[in-house]
Amino acid sequence: GGKWPFWLSPRQIMLIPIHKDWNEYCQEVKDKLRTEGFYVDVDLSKQTFSKKVRTAQVAQYNFQLVVGEQEVNNGSVNVRTRDNKQEGEKKVDDLIAYLKELRKEYK
């Protein structure tokens, strides 16, 4: 374990749909992020939302991207850090630019 910096982490991003209706959108976002070279997983389990968030935190994912109806409609994700800091809603393309910057600066 341990808290790896983002650029080196084997568990950079976990996408967490609030409801199974948003699973397909999560898969699309995952594919977009993987195309950009990020390590991304999607929690498609039948666990409760809080359990999914907790599992991602315990596994030390740098970011958890929460997806509900609002995010699907806006083409965005809601960003939480590994330390459970809620950074709010970001457009997927803006998030990719932000993550590329983190990787470039070795953070």
N, C-alpha and C. Protein backbone atom coordinates (compact mmCIF):
# COMPACT_ATOMS: atom_id res chain seq x y z
N GLY A 1 0.81 -1.19 0.00
CA GLY A 1 0.00 0.00 0.00
C GLY A 1 0.84 1.24 0.00
N GLY A 2 0.31 2.28 0.55
CA GLY A 2 0.99 3.56 0.56
C GLY A 2 0.31 4.52 -0.40
N LYS A 3 0.58 5.77 -0.20
CA LYS A 3 -0.04 6.81 -1.02
C LYS A 3 0.91 7.22 -2.14
N TRP A 4 0.76 6.57 -3.27
CA TRP A 4 1.61 6.87 -4.43
C TRP A 4 1.23 8.22 -5.01
N PRO A 5 2.23 8.99 -5.50
CA PRO A 5 1.89 10.21 -6.22
C PRO A 5 1.12 9.85 -7.50
N PHE A 6 0.30 10.75 -7.97
CA PHE A 6 -0.58 10.45 -9.10
C PHE A 6 0.17 9.89 -10.31
N TRP A 7 1.27 10.53 -10.70
CA TRP A 7 1.96 10.14 -11.94
C TRP A 7 2.50 8.72 -11.89
N LEU A 8 2.72 8.19 -10.69
CA LEU A 8 3.33 6.87 -10.51
C LEU A 8 2.33 5.81 -10.06
N SER A 9 1.17 6.26 -9.65
CA SER A 9 0.19 5.37 -9.01
C SER A 9 -0.37 4.31 -9.96
N PRO A 10 -0.43 3.05 -9.49
CA PRO A 10 -1.09 2.01 -10.29
C PRO A 10 -2.61 2.10 -10.17
N ARG A 11 -3.10 2.91 -9.25
CA ARG A 11 -4.54 3.09 -9.04
C ARG A 11 -4.85 4.58 -9.05
N GLN A 12 -4.88 5.14 -10.25
CA GLN A 12 -5.06 6.58 -10.35
C GLN A 12 -6.52 7.02 -10.17
N ILE A 13 -7.43 6.32 -10.85
CA ILE A 13 -8.80 6.81 -10.92
C ILE A 13 -9.80 5.66 -10.80
N MET A 14 -10.83 5.87 -9.96
CA MET A 14 -11.95 4.94 -9.87
C MET A 14 -13.21 5.72 -10.21
N LEU A 15 -13.93 5.26 -11.22
CA LEU A 15 -15.22 5.83 -11.57
C LEU A 15 -16.30 5.11 -10.77
N ILE A 16 -17.20 5.89 -10.15
CA ILE A 16 -18.24 5.31 -9.29
C ILE A 16 -19.61 5.83 -9.73
N PRO A 17 -20.38 4.97 -10.42
CA PRO A 17 -21.74 5.39 -10.76
C PRO A 17 -22.64 5.31 -9.53
N ILE A 18 -23.48 6.32 -9.34
CA ILE A 18 -24.40 6.32 -8.21
C ILE A 18 -25.48 5.26 -8.42
N HIS A 19 -25.83 5.00 -9.68
CA HIS A 19 -26.87 4.03 -10.01
C HIS A 19 -26.46 3.30 -11.29
N LYS A 20 -26.95 2.09 -11.46
CA LYS A 20 -26.55 1.29 -12.62
C LYS A 20 -26.92 1.95 -13.95
N ASP A 21 -27.89 2.88 -13.92
CA ASP A 21 -28.26 3.60 -15.15
C ASP A 21 -27.09 4.38 -15.74
N TRP A 22 -26.11 4.69 -14.92
CA TRP A 22 -24.98 5.52 -15.38
C TRP A 22 -23.74 4.68 -15.70
N ASN A 23 -23.87 3.35 -15.64
CA ASN A 23 -22.72 2.47 -15.90
C ASN A 23 -22.13 2.69 -17.29
N GLU A 24 -22.99 2.81 -18.29
CA GLU A 24 -22.52 2.96 -19.67
C GLU A 24 -21.71 4.26 -19.83
N TYR A 25 -22.21 5.34 -19.25
CA TYR A 25 -21.49 6.62 -19.30
C TYR A 25 -20.13 6.48 -18.62
N CYS A 26 -20.08 5.78 -17.48
CA CYS A 26 -18.81 5.55 -16.78
C CYS A 26 -17.83 4.80 -17.67
N GLN A 27 -18.33 3.81 -18.40
CA GLN A 27 -17.46 3.05 -19.32
C GLN A 27 -16.90 3.96 -20.41
N GLU A 28 -17.73 4.87 -20.92
CA GLU A 28 -17.28 5.82 -21.95
C GLU A 28 -16.17 6.73 -21.40
N VAL A 29 -16.38 7.24 -20.18
CA VAL A 29 -15.38 8.11 -19.56
C VAL A 29 -14.09 7.32 -19.32
N LYS A 30 -14.24 6.07 -18.85
CA LYS A 30 -13.07 5.21 -18.63
C LYS A 30 -12.27 5.06 -19.93
N ASP A 31 -12.95 4.77 -21.02
CA ASP A 31 -12.27 4.59 -22.31
C ASP A 31 -11.54 5.86 -22.72
N LYS A 32 -12.17 7.01 -22.50
CA LYS A 32 -11.56 8.30 -22.85
C LYS A 32 -10.27 8.51 -22.03
N LEU A 33 -10.36 8.23 -20.72
CA LEU A 33 -9.20 8.42 -19.84
C LEU A 33 -8.09 7.42 -20.16
N ARG A 34 -8.46 6.19 -20.45
CA ARG A 34 -7.45 5.17 -20.80
C ARG A 34 -6.74 5.54 -22.10
N THR A 35 -7.49 6.09 -23.05
CA THR A 35 -6.89 6.54 -24.32
C THR A 35 -5.80 7.58 -24.05
N GLU A 36 -5.99 8.37 -23.00
CA GLU A 36 -5.01 9.39 -22.62
C GLU A 36 -3.87 8.82 -21.77
N GLY A 37 -3.93 7.51 -21.50
CA GLY A 37 -2.82 6.86 -20.79
C GLY A 37 -2.95 6.80 -19.28
N PHE A 38 -4.17 7.00 -18.76
CA PHE A 38 -4.36 6.93 -17.31
C PHE A 38 -4.83 5.54 -16.89
N TYR A 39 -4.53 5.18 -15.65
CA TYR A 39 -5.00 3.92 -15.07
C TYR A 39 -6.37 4.17 -14.47
N VAL A 40 -7.40 3.52 -15.03
CA VAL A 40 -8.78 3.79 -14.63
C VAL A 40 -9.54 2.49 -14.44
N ASP A 41 -10.34 2.44 -13.38
CA ASP A 41 -11.24 1.33 -13.14
C ASP A 41 -12.64 1.90 -12.94
N VAL A 42 -13.65 1.04 -13.11
CA VAL A 42 -15.04 1.42 -12.86
C VAL A 42 -15.61 0.41 -11.87
N ASP A 43 -16.27 0.90 -10.83
CA ASP A 43 -16.91 0.01 -9.86
C ASP A 43 -18.34 -0.27 -10.32
N LEU A 44 -18.54 -1.41 -10.97
CA LEU A 44 -19.87 -1.79 -11.45
C LEU A 44 -20.53 -2.79 -10.50
N SER A 45 -19.97 -2.92 -9.30
CA SER A 45 -20.52 -3.87 -8.32
C SER A 45 -21.90 -3.42 -7.86
N LYS A 46 -22.58 -4.30 -7.15
CA LYS A 46 -23.91 -3.97 -6.64
C LYS A 46 -23.83 -3.39 -5.21
N GLN A 47 -22.63 -3.02 -4.78
CA GLN A 47 -22.45 -2.42 -3.45
C GLN A 47 -23.21 -1.09 -3.37
N THR A 48 -23.44 -0.62 -2.14
CA THR A 48 -24.04 0.70 -1.97
C THR A 48 -23.04 1.75 -2.41
N PHE A 49 -23.54 2.94 -2.70
CA PHE A 49 -22.67 4.04 -3.13
C PHE A 49 -21.59 4.32 -2.09
N SER A 50 -21.97 4.42 -0.79
CA SER A 50 -20.97 4.73 0.25
C SER A 50 -19.90 3.65 0.32
N LYS A 51 -20.31 2.39 0.14
CA LYS A 51 -19.36 1.28 0.18
C LYS A 51 -18.38 1.37 -0.99
N LYS A 52 -18.87 1.76 -2.17
CA LYS A 52 -18.00 1.92 -3.34
C LYS A 52 -16.94 3.00 -3.09
N VAL A 53 -17.40 4.13 -2.51
CA VAL A 53 -16.47 5.23 -2.21
C VAL A 53 -15.43 4.76 -1.19
N ARG A 54 -15.88 4.11 -0.15
CA ARG A 54 -14.98 3.62 0.90
C ARG A 54 -13.97 2.62 0.34
N THR A 55 -14.43 1.71 -0.50
CA THR A 55 -13.54 0.71 -1.11
C THR A 55 -12.45 1.40 -1.93
N ALA A 56 -12.82 2.42 -2.70
CA ALA A 56 -11.84 3.15 -3.52
C ALA A 56 -10.84 3.90 -2.63
N GLN A 57 -11.31 4.42 -1.50
CA GLN A 57 -10.40 5.13 -0.58
C GLN A 57 -9.41 4.16 0.06
N VAL A 58 -9.92 3.03 0.52
CA VAL A 58 -9.06 2.03 1.16
C VAL A 58 -8.02 1.50 0.16
N ALA A 59 -8.43 1.37 -1.10
CA ALA A 59 -7.52 0.89 -2.14
C ALA A 59 -6.54 1.98 -2.59
N GLN A 60 -6.67 3.18 -2.02
CA GLN A 60 -5.77 4.31 -2.28
C GLN A 60 -5.81 4.84 -3.71
N TYR A 61 -7.00 4.83 -4.35
CA TYR A 61 -7.13 5.49 -5.64
C TYR A 61 -6.92 6.98 -5.42
N ASN A 62 -6.13 7.62 -6.28
CA ASN A 62 -5.87 9.05 -6.13
C ASN A 62 -7.15 9.88 -6.27
N PHE A 63 -8.00 9.48 -7.22
CA PHE A 63 -9.25 10.20 -7.44
C PHE A 63 -10.41 9.23 -7.60
N GLN A 64 -11.56 9.61 -7.03
CA GLN A 64 -12.80 8.90 -7.28
C GLN A 64 -13.68 9.87 -8.06
N LEU A 65 -14.16 9.41 -9.19
CA LEU A 65 -15.03 10.23 -10.04
C LEU A 65 -16.46 9.70 -9.90
N VAL A 66 -17.29 10.49 -9.25
CA VAL A 66 -18.66 10.07 -8.97
C VAL A 66 -19.56 10.55 -10.12
N VAL A 67 -20.46 9.66 -10.54
CA VAL A 67 -21.33 9.96 -11.68
C VAL A 67 -22.79 9.70 -11.32
N GLY A 68 -23.59 10.74 -11.50
CA GLY A 68 -25.04 10.64 -11.34
C GLY A 68 -25.70 11.27 -12.56
N GLU A 69 -27.00 11.49 -12.47
CA GLU A 69 -27.75 12.02 -13.61
C GLU A 69 -27.22 13.39 -14.07
N GLN A 70 -26.94 14.26 -13.11
CA GLN A 70 -26.46 15.61 -13.44
C GLN A 70 -25.15 15.55 -14.24
N GLU A 71 -24.24 14.68 -13.81
CA GLU A 71 -22.95 14.56 -14.50
C GLU A 71 -23.13 14.00 -15.91
N VAL A 72 -24.01 13.01 -16.06
CA VAL A 72 -24.27 12.44 -17.39
C VAL A 72 -24.81 13.53 -18.31
N ASN A 73 -25.77 14.32 -17.82
CA ASN A 73 -26.37 15.38 -18.63
C ASN A 73 -25.38 16.49 -18.98
N ASN A 74 -24.41 16.74 -18.09
CA ASN A 74 -23.44 17.83 -18.29
C ASN A 74 -22.14 17.38 -18.94
N GLY A 75 -21.97 16.08 -19.20
CA GLY A 75 -20.70 15.59 -19.75
C GLY A 75 -19.56 15.80 -18.76
N SER A 76 -19.85 15.52 -17.49
CA SER A 76 -18.88 15.81 -16.43
C SER A 76 -18.77 14.64 -15.47
N VAL A 77 -17.94 14.84 -14.44
CA VAL A 77 -17.81 13.92 -13.32
C VAL A 77 -17.68 14.75 -12.06
N ASN A 78 -17.97 14.17 -10.91
CA ASN A 78 -17.79 14.87 -9.64
C ASN A 78 -16.55 14.29 -8.99
N VAL A 79 -15.58 15.13 -8.71
CA VAL A 79 -14.25 14.68 -8.31
C VAL A 79 -14.07 14.68 -6.80
N ARG A 80 -13.59 13.55 -6.28
CA ARG A 80 -13.19 13.42 -4.87
C ARG A 80 -11.74 12.97 -4.86
N THR A 81 -10.99 13.45 -3.89
CA THR A 81 -9.61 12.99 -3.75
C THR A 81 -9.56 11.76 -2.86
N ARG A 82 -8.41 11.16 -2.80
CA ARG A 82 -8.20 9.98 -1.96
C ARG A 82 -8.43 10.31 -0.49
N ASP A 83 -8.22 11.57 -0.11
CA ASP A 83 -8.42 12.00 1.27
C ASP A 83 -9.85 12.49 1.52
N ASN A 84 -10.77 12.16 0.59
CA ASN A 84 -12.19 12.48 0.67
C ASN A 84 -12.49 13.97 0.58
N LYS A 85 -11.58 14.72 -0.05
CA LYS A 85 -11.86 16.13 -0.32
C LYS A 85 -12.70 16.19 -1.59
N GLN A 86 -13.85 16.84 -1.52
CA GLN A 86 -14.72 16.94 -2.69
C GLN A 86 -14.34 18.19 -3.49
N GLU A 87 -13.88 17.96 -4.71
CA GLU A 87 -13.44 19.08 -5.55
C GLU A 87 -14.54 19.57 -6.47
N GLY A 88 -15.67 18.86 -6.50
CA GLY A 88 -16.81 19.32 -7.27
C GLY A 88 -16.83 18.81 -8.70
N GLU A 89 -17.78 19.34 -9.44
CA GLU A 89 -18.04 18.87 -10.80
C GLU A 89 -17.05 19.46 -11.79
N LYS A 90 -16.51 18.61 -12.66
CA LYS A 90 -15.62 19.06 -13.73
C LYS A 90 -16.03 18.40 -15.03
N LYS A 91 -15.98 19.17 -16.12
CA LYS A 91 -16.20 18.59 -17.45
C LYS A 91 -15.09 17.57 -17.68
N VAL A 92 -15.41 16.50 -18.38
CA VAL A 92 -14.43 15.42 -18.60
C VAL A 92 -13.18 15.96 -19.30
N ASP A 93 -13.34 16.80 -20.31
CA ASP A 93 -12.17 17.32 -21.03
C ASP A 93 -11.30 18.21 -20.14
N ASP A 94 -11.95 18.99 -19.25
CA ASP A 94 -11.19 19.83 -18.31
C ASP A 94 -10.44 18.95 -17.31
N LEU A 95 -11.07 17.87 -16.88
CA LEU A 95 -10.42 16.94 -15.96
C LEU A 95 -9.20 16.31 -16.63
N ILE A 96 -9.34 15.91 -17.87
CA ILE A 96 -8.20 15.30 -18.60
C ILE A 96 -7.04 16.29 -18.67
N ALA A 97 -7.32 17.54 -18.97
CA ALA A 97 -6.27 18.56 -19.03
C ALA A 97 -5.59 18.70 -17.67
N TYR A 98 -6.39 18.71 -16.60
CA TYR A 98 -5.87 18.82 -15.23
C TYR A 98 -4.99 17.61 -14.88
N LEU A 99 -5.45 16.41 -15.22
CA LEU A 99 -4.69 15.20 -14.92
C LEU A 99 -3.39 15.13 -15.71
N LYS A 100 -3.43 15.58 -16.95
CA LYS A 100 -2.20 15.61 -17.77
C LYS A 100 -1.18 16.55 -17.14
N GLU A 101 -1.67 17.67 -16.60
CA GLU A 101 -0.79 18.63 -15.94
C GLU A 101 -0.15 18.00 -14.70
N LEU A 102 -0.95 17.29 -13.89
CA LEU A 102 -0.42 16.60 -12.70
C LEU A 102 0.67 15.62 -13.10
N ARG A 103 0.40 14.86 -14.17
CA ARG A 103 1.36 13.84 -14.62
C ARG A 103 2.64 14.51 -15.12
N LYS A 104 2.48 15.60 -15.86
CA LYS A 104 3.64 16.30 -16.41
C LYS A 104 4.53 16.89 -15.31
N GLU A 105 3.90 17.33 -14.23
CA GLU A 105 4.65 17.95 -13.12
C GLU A 105 5.07 16.90 -12.08
N TYR A 106 4.87 15.63 -12.37
CA TYR A 106 5.23 14.55 -11.45
C TYR A 106 4.61 14.73 -10.08
N LYS A 107 3.30 15.01 -10.04
CA LYS A 107 2.61 15.18 -8.75
C LYS A 107 1.73 13.99 -8.48
